[in-house]
Amino acid sequence: MNLTLGLFLGLYFAILYVTLYWLVAFLKNRERIKKDPKPTRFPKISVLIPVYNDCNNVEKAISSCKELDYPKVEIVVINDGSTDDTMSVCKKIEGVKLIDKSHTGKANSLNVGLKRATGEIISVLDADSYFTKDAFRNMVGYFDDPKVGAVMPIARVSSSKNIIEKIQWIEYILSMFMRKVMSEIDSLYLTHGVGTLFRKSLLEEVGEFDEKNLTEDLEISLKIVDAGYSIAASINAVTYTRPANKFKELFHQRLRWNVGLLHNVKKFKHMFFNKKLGNLGMFVLPLSVIWVPLLLFLTYMMYSDTVNSFVRFVRNTLLVNFDWSYLLKDILEFDILFSTSIVTLFTWMFAALFIVTVVVTLHSMSLSSEENKKAVFYTIPYAMFYTAMMSLFWVAAIGVWLVKGGGRKWEKRI
C-alpha cells in the first residue's frame, strides 16, 4: 500500500468515526432535542442592534423585536457612525433607545450598548437579521439553570435564490442540527449575532466583547465556556439572517471567520485537550482544528485525481481513435467497483457522505419544521462545491494569518 492510499484510507475512517460519534450523540439525546425547558420567570431582555450603513434592513430587525411575544423587551440600537440614511430611519421608530457614535466597529458598539442596557438578559441581533415571534419564550427557560451562560436560537437564511444562497441554506440547516446535538452533550462553544441571549452579569464578569478580535462572537463564547458556564441551543427559537449572495461577499465573510478562528485557537489553546472540559476539550475543540488539514487533503486528492482521470480518458480516447464502444466497455468493467484506486475509493466515500448529507438535512428540516420540497436538489450543489469553496477559504485564511496575523487591525484589509 502506498503512502497516498494509506493517508486516504486513514481520512476515510476518520470521517466515518466522526460521523458515527455524532450519530450516537444524536440517538442518545433524540428525545430531548425538540424540547425546551418551560420558563418559570420572564426577566427583562435588552436587544442590542449594532448597525453600520444598513438602512435597508435595520427597520425590519427593530420591528421583529417590537413584535416579540415577550413581556419585557428593551431595544437598544447603536448606530456605528453610519454614512447612509440609517440614523434617520431609526429616529422614525418609536420605543427605541438610540445611541449615535463614531465608527469603531461592532464589538465596541456592543460594549457601548451593554453599558446603556437595563435588562438582566442581553440579546445581540445583527441589523440584517430578525426574530420570529416566539423566539424569546423558547430560549429564556434555559436560564433557570444557573450554569447556562448563553442560549443560541437557530439561524436560517432569509433568502435562497441563487446557488451561493442555496449552498448556505443547506449549510445553516446542517449546522442547526450539529449545534443542537453539541449543546445536548455540553460541547457547544460558539454563539452568533443572530439573536443569541447572554446573562448580562456574565458578560461583565468575563470582560465584555473583545474589540481587537475579528470574531468577537466566537471569542465571547469561548470566554463563557472557559469560565465554567455552558451554552445551550434551541431549535424552536428561530431567527433569520441575510446570506451572502455573491461569491466575493461570501469569500470575505468566511475569510474573516476563519482568520478569527485561528486567532482564537491561539488565544484559548489551554482549552484544547483539557480533560476538565470533557467532550468539548478532548474531542470537539481539537476536531475544529484537525478537520482543516483533513479538508485540504481531501480536496487535493479529489481534484488531482479527477484531473488525472480526465487526462487519461482523453489519452485513451485518442489512442483508440474515438472508439466509444471500447471506452464504454472499459468504464463498465465490473471489477472497477472493487478496485483500490484513489478515484474509486473517493467515489464510494463521496456517495456515502452525500447520502448522509441528504438524510441529515431532511431530518434537520423535520426537526425545525422547515418546508422546502427542493431540499434534496439543493444538496447536489452543496456536495459538489462546498468542499472546494471551504478549502479555498481556508487556504486564503492560513495565508493571511501567516503573513498578517489575526487581530482586528487587519479586518478592513481582509
Protein backbone atom coordinates (compact mmCIF):
# COMPACT_ATOMS: atom_id res chain seq x y z
CA MET A 1 0.00 0.00 0.00
CA ASN A 2 1.49 3.36 -1.00
CA LEU A 3 1.56 6.39 1.31
CA THR A 4 -1.16 8.27 -0.58
CA LEU A 5 -3.58 5.37 -0.41
CA GLY A 6 -2.81 4.88 3.27
CA LEU A 7 -3.50 8.53 4.03
CA PHE A 8 -6.72 8.41 2.07
CA LEU A 9 -7.93 5.31 3.92
CA GLY A 10 -6.99 6.97 7.21
CA LEU A 11 -9.03 10.01 6.23
CA TYR A 12 -11.95 7.81 5.21
CA PHE A 13 -12.05 6.05 8.58
CA ALA A 14 -11.55 9.32 10.46
CA ILE A 15 -14.62 10.77 8.74
CA LEU A 16 -16.52 7.56 9.42
CA TYR A 17 -15.58 7.69 13.11
CA VAL A 18 -16.64 11.33 13.49
CA THR A 19 -19.90 10.66 11.67
CA LEU A 20 -20.69 7.72 13.95
CA TYR A 21 -19.76 9.79 17.03
CA TRP A 22 -22.32 12.47 16.19
CA LEU A 23 -24.88 9.87 15.17
CA VAL A 24 -24.58 8.13 18.54
CA ALA A 25 -24.76 11.50 20.33
CA PHE A 26 -27.95 12.29 18.44
CA LEU A 27 -29.57 8.91 19.08
CA LYS A 28 -28.84 9.15 22.81
CA ASN A 29 -30.43 12.59 23.03
CA ARG A 30 -33.10 12.48 20.32
CA GLU A 31 -35.97 12.64 22.81
CA ARG A 32 -34.71 15.93 24.29
CA ILE A 33 -33.63 17.72 21.12
CA LYS A 34 -37.07 19.08 20.26
CA LYS A 35 -37.93 20.09 23.83
CA ASP A 36 -37.14 23.41 25.53
CA PRO A 37 -37.49 23.96 29.30
CA LYS A 38 -40.58 25.94 30.23
CA PRO A 39 -39.62 29.28 31.79
CA THR A 40 -40.50 29.88 35.43
CA ARG A 41 -39.84 33.62 35.12
CA PHE A 42 -39.53 36.25 32.41
CA PRO A 43 -36.55 38.51 33.08
CA LYS A 44 -36.19 41.74 31.14
CA ILE A 45 -34.27 41.27 27.87
CA SER A 46 -32.33 44.08 26.22
CA VAL A 47 -31.76 43.59 22.49
CA LEU A 48 -28.57 45.24 21.23
CA ILE A 49 -28.63 46.02 17.49
CA PRO A 50 -25.32 47.43 16.23
CA VAL A 51 -25.76 48.90 12.77
CA TYR A 52 -23.44 50.40 10.20
CA ASN A 53 -24.75 51.59 6.82
CA ASP A 54 -27.67 49.15 6.74
CA CYS A 55 -30.71 51.40 6.36
CA ASN A 56 -32.45 48.84 4.13
CA ASN A 57 -32.58 46.12 6.80
CA VAL A 58 -32.47 47.71 10.24
CA GLU A 59 -36.16 48.65 10.28
CA LYS A 60 -37.21 45.01 9.87
CA ALA A 61 -34.79 43.98 12.63
CA ILE A 62 -36.30 46.52 15.02
CA SER A 63 -39.87 45.65 14.01
CA SER A 64 -39.26 41.97 14.77
CA CYS A 65 -38.15 42.96 18.29
CA LYS A 66 -41.32 45.01 18.82
CA GLU A 67 -43.45 42.05 17.67
CA LEU A 68 -41.87 39.50 20.04
CA ASP A 69 -44.31 37.59 22.23
CA TYR A 70 -42.43 38.50 25.40
CA PRO A 71 -43.46 40.86 28.22
CA LYS A 72 -40.22 42.79 28.88
CA VAL A 73 -38.16 43.81 25.86
CA GLU A 74 -35.83 46.80 25.62
CA ILE A 75 -34.49 47.70 22.16
CA VAL A 76 -31.08 49.40 22.04
CA VAL A 77 -29.90 50.44 18.57
CA ILE A 78 -26.26 51.51 18.29
CA ASN A 79 -25.56 53.49 15.13
CA ASP A 80 -21.87 52.91 14.48
CA GLY A 81 -21.16 56.11 12.54
CA SER A 82 -23.29 55.24 9.50
CA THR A 83 -22.94 57.50 6.48
CA ASP A 84 -26.21 56.45 4.81
CA ASP A 85 -29.82 57.00 5.98
CA THR A 86 -29.59 54.55 8.90
CA MET A 87 -29.86 57.24 11.58
CA SER A 88 -32.89 58.93 10.02
CA VAL A 89 -34.66 55.56 9.61
CA CYS A 90 -34.06 54.67 13.26
CA LYS A 91 -35.23 58.07 14.54
CA LYS A 92 -38.65 57.49 12.99
CA ILE A 93 -39.25 54.33 15.05
CA GLU A 94 -40.79 54.82 18.49
CA GLY A 95 -39.88 52.86 21.60
CA VAL A 96 -36.19 52.51 20.74
CA LYS A 97 -33.19 53.59 22.80
CA LEU A 98 -30.96 55.05 20.08
CA ILE A 99 -27.22 55.59 20.52
CA ASP A 100 -25.25 57.52 17.90
CA LYS A 101 -21.46 57.15 17.94
CA SER A 102 -18.41 57.31 15.70
CA HIS A 103 -17.44 54.28 13.60
CA THR A 104 -15.40 52.00 15.87
CA GLY A 105 -16.66 48.52 14.95
CA LYS A 106 -19.25 46.02 16.10
CA ALA A 107 -17.57 44.85 19.33
CA ASN A 108 -17.16 48.41 20.63
CA SER A 109 -20.76 49.18 19.66
CA LEU A 110 -21.95 46.17 21.68
CA ASN A 111 -19.93 47.24 24.71
CA VAL A 112 -21.35 50.77 24.47
CA GLY A 113 -24.87 49.35 24.21
CA LEU A 114 -24.22 46.95 27.08
CA LYS A 115 -23.49 49.87 29.40
CA ARG A 116 -26.81 51.51 28.49
CA ALA A 117 -28.89 48.33 28.61
CA THR A 118 -31.03 47.72 31.70
CA GLY A 119 -32.09 44.13 31.06
CA GLU A 120 -30.96 41.11 33.06
CA ILE A 121 -30.51 39.24 29.78
CA ILE A 122 -28.74 40.66 26.73
CA SER A 123 -29.59 39.66 23.17
CA VAL A 124 -27.33 40.50 20.23
CA LEU A 125 -29.05 40.93 16.87
CA ASP A 126 -27.28 41.86 13.63
CA ALA A 127 -29.03 44.62 11.70
CA ASP A 128 -29.63 42.34 8.70
CA SER A 129 -31.38 39.72 10.84
CA TYR A 130 -34.74 39.37 12.57
CA PHE A 131 -36.63 37.29 15.15
CA THR A 132 -39.69 35.12 14.86
CA LYS A 133 -42.43 35.97 17.34
CA ASP A 134 -41.87 33.20 19.92
CA ALA A 135 -38.05 33.13 19.90
CA PHE A 136 -37.53 34.53 23.42
CA ARG A 137 -40.16 32.33 25.08
CA ASN A 138 -38.43 29.25 23.65
CA MET A 139 -35.00 30.32 24.90
CA VAL A 140 -35.41 32.03 28.24
CA GLY A 141 -36.28 28.85 30.16
CA TYR A 142 -32.71 27.61 29.80
CA PHE A 143 -31.54 30.37 32.16
CA ASP A 144 -33.32 28.67 35.07
CA ASP A 145 -30.16 26.55 35.13
CA PRO A 146 -27.53 28.80 36.78
CA LYS A 147 -24.73 27.15 34.79
CA VAL A 148 -26.17 28.24 31.44
CA GLY A 149 -24.40 31.41 30.34
CA ALA A 150 -25.86 31.84 26.85
CA VAL A 151 -28.60 30.42 24.63
CA MET A 152 -28.48 30.29 20.85
CA PRO A 153 -31.52 30.35 18.57
CA ILE A 154 -31.43 28.55 15.26
CA ALA A 155 -30.38 30.83 12.41
CA ARG A 156 -31.85 30.34 8.96
CA VAL A 157 -31.15 32.23 5.76
CA SER A 158 -33.82 34.71 4.73
CA SER A 159 -33.25 34.09 1.02
CA SER A 160 -32.17 31.10 -1.07
CA LYS A 161 -32.47 32.24 -4.67
CA ASN A 162 -29.08 31.75 -6.33
CA ILE A 163 -26.60 28.89 -5.93
CA ILE A 164 -24.47 30.75 -3.37
CA GLU A 165 -27.52 31.27 -1.15
CA LYS A 166 -28.72 27.69 -1.68
CA ILE A 167 -25.39 26.30 -0.51
CA GLN A 168 -25.62 28.44 2.64
CA TRP A 169 -29.23 27.33 3.13
CA ILE A 170 -28.08 23.70 3.35
CA GLU A 171 -25.09 24.70 5.49
CA TYR A 172 -27.30 26.50 8.03
CA ILE A 173 -29.73 23.58 8.19
CA LEU A 174 -26.89 21.14 8.89
CA SER A 175 -25.20 23.44 11.41
CA MET A 176 -28.52 23.78 13.24
CA PHE A 177 -28.62 20.02 13.70
CA MET A 178 -24.98 19.82 14.80
CA ARG A 179 -25.17 22.70 17.27
CA LYS A 180 -28.23 21.29 18.99
CA VAL A 181 -26.54 17.90 19.36
CA MET A 182 -23.41 19.64 20.67
CA SER A 183 -25.46 21.52 23.26
CA GLU A 184 -27.04 18.27 24.48
CA ILE A 185 -23.61 16.80 25.27
CA ASP A 186 -22.41 20.12 26.80
CA SER A 187 -19.94 20.74 23.96
CA LEU A 188 -21.26 23.88 22.29
CA TYR A 189 -18.51 26.51 22.21
CA LEU A 190 -19.77 29.21 19.84
CA THR A 191 -22.50 31.80 19.62
CA HIS A 192 -23.64 34.01 16.75
CA GLY A 193 -25.00 37.51 16.32
CA VAL A 194 -28.41 36.40 15.10
CA GLY A 195 -30.31 36.67 18.37
CA THR A 196 -28.16 34.85 20.95
CA LEU A 197 -29.09 35.55 24.59
CA PHE A 198 -26.45 36.19 27.29
CA ARG A 199 -26.54 36.76 31.02
CA LYS A 200 -25.56 40.42 31.38
CA SER A 201 -23.74 39.79 34.65
CA LEU A 202 -21.66 37.08 32.96
CA LEU A 203 -20.68 39.36 30.07
CA GLU A 204 -19.45 41.87 32.62
CA GLU A 205 -17.68 39.12 34.56
CA VAL A 206 -15.69 37.73 31.62
CA GLY A 207 -14.71 41.12 30.23
CA GLU A 208 -17.36 42.05 27.66
CA PHE A 209 -16.66 41.79 23.89
CA ASP A 210 -13.05 41.86 22.68
CA GLU A 211 -12.73 44.91 20.44
CA LYS A 212 -9.46 43.66 18.92
CA ASN A 213 -10.89 40.31 17.84
CA LEU A 214 -12.11 39.60 14.29
CA THR A 215 -14.81 37.22 15.56
CA GLU A 216 -15.98 38.71 18.83
CA ASP A 217 -18.97 36.33 18.96
CA LEU A 218 -16.68 33.27 19.00
CA GLU A 219 -14.31 34.93 21.46
CA ILE A 220 -17.05 35.78 23.95
CA SER A 221 -18.47 32.25 23.78
CA LEU A 222 -15.06 30.69 24.47
CA LYS A 223 -14.64 33.01 27.46
CA ILE A 224 -18.05 31.91 28.74
CA VAL A 225 -17.17 28.21 28.47
CA ASP A 226 -13.70 28.83 29.90
CA ALA A 227 -15.34 30.48 32.93
CA GLY A 228 -17.21 27.24 33.65
CA TYR A 229 -20.58 28.03 32.05
CA SER A 230 -22.36 26.17 29.26
CA ILE A 231 -24.04 27.33 26.06
CA ALA A 232 -27.46 25.95 25.14
CA ALA A 233 -29.30 25.91 21.82
CA SER A 234 -32.97 25.81 20.94
CA ILE A 235 -34.23 24.56 17.59
CA ASN A 236 -37.67 26.01 18.34
CA ALA A 237 -36.32 29.56 18.64
CA VAL A 238 -35.84 30.73 15.06
CA THR A 239 -34.11 33.78 13.65
CA TYR A 240 -33.41 34.74 10.06
CA THR A 241 -30.36 36.41 8.56
CA ARG A 242 -29.42 37.71 5.15
CA PRO A 243 -26.90 35.36 3.49
CA ALA A 244 -24.04 36.46 1.28
CA ASN A 245 -25.48 36.43 -2.24
CA LYS A 246 -22.25 36.84 -4.20
CA PHE A 247 -19.07 34.79 -4.13
CA LYS A 248 -16.91 37.84 -3.29
CA GLU A 249 -19.08 38.68 -0.29
CA LEU A 250 -19.05 35.06 0.89
CA PHE A 251 -15.28 34.91 0.44
CA HIS A 252 -14.67 37.97 2.61
CA GLN A 253 -17.12 36.74 5.26
CA ARG A 254 -15.54 33.30 5.54
CA LEU A 255 -12.03 34.71 5.38
CA ARG A 256 -12.82 36.83 8.43
CA TRP A 257 -14.43 33.88 10.23
CA ASN A 258 -11.50 31.56 9.54
CA VAL A 259 -8.77 34.04 10.44
CA GLY A 260 -10.76 34.84 13.59
CA LEU A 261 -10.95 31.13 14.45
CA LEU A 262 -7.17 30.77 14.09
CA HIS A 263 -6.68 33.82 16.30
CA ASN A 264 -8.97 32.39 18.98
CA VAL A 265 -7.39 28.94 18.80
CA LYS A 266 -4.10 30.58 19.74
CA LYS A 267 -5.73 32.68 22.47
CA PHE A 268 -7.61 29.75 24.04
CA LYS A 269 -5.10 26.97 23.35
CA HIS A 270 -5.25 25.95 27.03
CA MET A 271 -8.80 24.67 26.42
CA PHE A 272 -7.68 22.08 23.84
CA PHE A 273 -7.23 18.53 25.21
CA ASN A 274 -8.33 19.85 28.59
CA LYS A 275 -9.87 16.93 30.49
CA LYS A 276 -11.82 19.29 32.75
CA LEU A 277 -13.91 20.33 29.73
CA GLY A 278 -14.95 16.75 28.95
CA ASN A 279 -16.15 16.10 25.39
CA LEU A 280 -15.56 19.72 24.48
CA GLY A 281 -11.90 19.81 25.47
CA MET A 282 -10.94 16.29 24.45
CA PHE A 283 -12.86 15.92 21.18
CA VAL A 284 -14.94 18.82 19.85
CA LEU A 285 -12.41 21.66 20.11
CA PRO A 286 -9.47 19.62 18.74
CA LEU A 287 -11.68 18.41 15.90
CA SER A 288 -12.49 22.03 14.97
CA VAL A 289 -8.81 22.45 14.07
CA ILE A 290 -7.83 18.95 12.93
CA TRP A 291 -10.55 18.86 10.28
CA VAL A 292 -8.92 21.77 8.39
CA PRO A 293 -5.84 19.84 7.11
CA LEU A 294 -8.11 16.84 6.52
CA LEU A 295 -10.40 19.01 4.40
CA LEU A 296 -7.47 20.38 2.40
CA PHE A 297 -6.07 16.88 1.83
CA LEU A 298 -9.44 15.54 0.75
CA THR A 299 -9.95 18.41 -1.68
CA TYR A 300 -6.47 17.98 -3.11
CA MET A 301 -6.99 14.26 -3.64
CA MET A 302 -10.42 14.81 -5.15
CA TYR A 303 -9.35 17.33 -7.74
CA SER A 304 -5.89 15.98 -8.53
CA ASP A 305 -7.29 12.50 -9.22
CA THR A 306 -10.21 13.94 -11.15
CA VAL A 307 -7.82 15.87 -13.38
CA ASN A 308 -5.56 12.82 -13.79
CA SER A 309 -8.54 10.65 -14.67
CA PHE A 310 -9.71 13.18 -17.24
CA VAL A 311 -6.23 13.32 -18.80
CA ARG A 312 -6.10 9.51 -19.00
CA PHE A 313 -9.57 9.43 -20.55
CA VAL A 314 -8.57 11.93 -23.23
CA ARG A 315 -5.37 9.99 -23.92
CA ASN A 316 -7.22 6.67 -24.21
CA THR A 317 -9.83 8.28 -26.43
CA LEU A 318 -7.12 9.40 -28.81
CA LEU A 319 -5.36 6.03 -28.68
CA VAL A 320 -8.50 4.09 -29.71
CA ASN A 321 -9.38 6.68 -32.33
CA PHE A 322 -12.62 7.72 -30.58
CA ASP A 323 -13.97 4.16 -30.41
CA TRP A 324 -16.76 4.86 -27.90
CA SER A 325 -17.86 1.22 -27.69
CA TYR A 326 -14.41 0.27 -26.43
CA LEU A 327 -14.34 3.16 -23.96
CA LEU A 328 -17.80 2.33 -22.62
CA LYS A 329 -16.82 -1.29 -22.14
CA ASP A 330 -13.71 -0.23 -20.25
CA ILE A 331 -15.67 2.10 -17.97
CA LEU A 332 -18.31 -0.51 -17.16
CA GLU A 333 -15.88 -3.29 -16.25
CA PHE A 334 -17.32 -4.92 -13.13
CA ASP A 335 -14.07 -5.02 -11.17
CA ILE A 336 -13.79 -1.22 -11.21
CA LEU A 337 -16.26 -1.19 -8.30
CA PHE A 338 -13.80 -3.18 -6.22
CA SER A 339 -10.52 -1.65 -7.30
CA THR A 340 -8.26 0.08 -4.77
CA SER A 341 -7.63 3.21 -6.84
CA ILE A 342 -7.99 6.56 -5.12
CA VAL A 343 -10.67 7.60 -7.62
CA THR A 344 -12.79 4.54 -6.83
CA LEU A 345 -12.38 4.92 -3.07
CA PHE A 346 -13.24 8.60 -3.30
CA THR A 347 -16.33 7.76 -5.36
CA TRP A 348 -17.54 5.40 -2.65
CA MET A 349 -16.80 7.93 0.09
CA PHE A 350 -18.44 10.77 -1.80
CA ALA A 351 -21.55 8.65 -2.39
CA ALA A 352 -21.73 7.67 1.30
CA LEU A 353 -21.26 11.24 2.52
CA PHE A 354 -23.80 12.52 0.01
CA ILE A 355 -26.40 10.06 1.30
CA VAL A 356 -25.60 11.06 4.90
CA THR A 357 -25.90 14.74 3.97
CA VAL A 358 -29.33 14.19 2.40
CA VAL A 359 -30.62 12.15 5.34
CA VAL A 360 -29.34 14.60 7.98
CA THR A 361 -30.64 17.59 6.02
CA LEU A 362 -34.12 16.12 5.71
CA HIS A 363 -34.13 15.13 9.37
CA SER A 364 -32.93 18.59 10.41
CA MET A 365 -35.72 20.11 8.36
CA SER A 366 -38.30 17.93 10.08
CA LEU A 367 -36.95 18.96 13.49
CA SER A 368 -37.12 22.63 12.62
CA SER A 369 -40.40 22.45 10.67
CA GLU A 370 -38.59 23.82 7.63
CA GLU A 371 -40.59 23.15 4.47
CA ASN A 372 -38.85 23.06 1.12
CA LYS A 373 -39.56 20.27 -1.33
CA LYS A 374 -36.44 21.11 -3.34
CA ALA A 375 -34.13 20.44 -0.40
CA VAL A 376 -32.76 17.21 -1.84
CA PHE A 377 -31.79 19.00 -5.05
CA TYR A 378 -30.03 21.73 -3.05
CA THR A 379 -27.73 19.10 -1.57
CA ILE A 380 -26.28 18.42 -5.03
CA PRO A 381 -24.58 21.82 -5.48
CA TYR A 382 -23.75 21.74 -1.79
CA ALA A 383 -21.91 18.42 -2.11
CA MET A 384 -20.23 19.45 -5.36
CA PHE A 385 -18.99 22.91 -4.44
CA TYR A 386 -18.92 23.25 -0.66
CA THR A 387 -15.72 21.27 -0.04
CA ALA A 388 -13.87 23.15 -2.77
CA MET A 389 -15.08 26.54 -1.55
CA MET A 390 -14.24 25.83 2.08
CA SER A 391 -10.76 24.68 1.09
CA LEU A 392 -10.20 27.86 -0.89
CA PHE A 393 -11.35 29.98 2.04
CA TRP A 394 -9.06 28.12 4.42
CA VAL A 395 -6.01 28.38 2.17
CA ALA A 396 -6.60 32.12 1.94
CA ALA A 397 -7.16 32.40 5.71
CA ILE A 398 -3.99 30.49 6.56
CA GLY A 399 -2.08 32.73 4.17
CA VAL A 400 -3.49 35.89 5.76
CA TRP A 401 -2.81 34.52 9.22
CA LEU A 402 0.83 33.66 8.45
CA VAL A 403 1.52 36.98 6.75
CA LYS A 404 -0.56 39.43 8.77
CA GLY A 405 -1.77 37.79 11.95
CA GLY A 406 -5.37 37.61 13.11
CA GLY A 407 -6.09 40.79 15.03
CA ARG A 408 -8.84 43.34 14.46
CA LYS A 409 -6.34 45.68 12.75
CA TRP A 410 -6.50 43.55 9.62
CA GLU A 411 -10.28 43.45 9.30
CA LYS A 412 -10.59 46.31 6.78
CA ARG A 413 -7.81 44.83 4.63
CA ILE A 414 -9.46 41.41 4.66
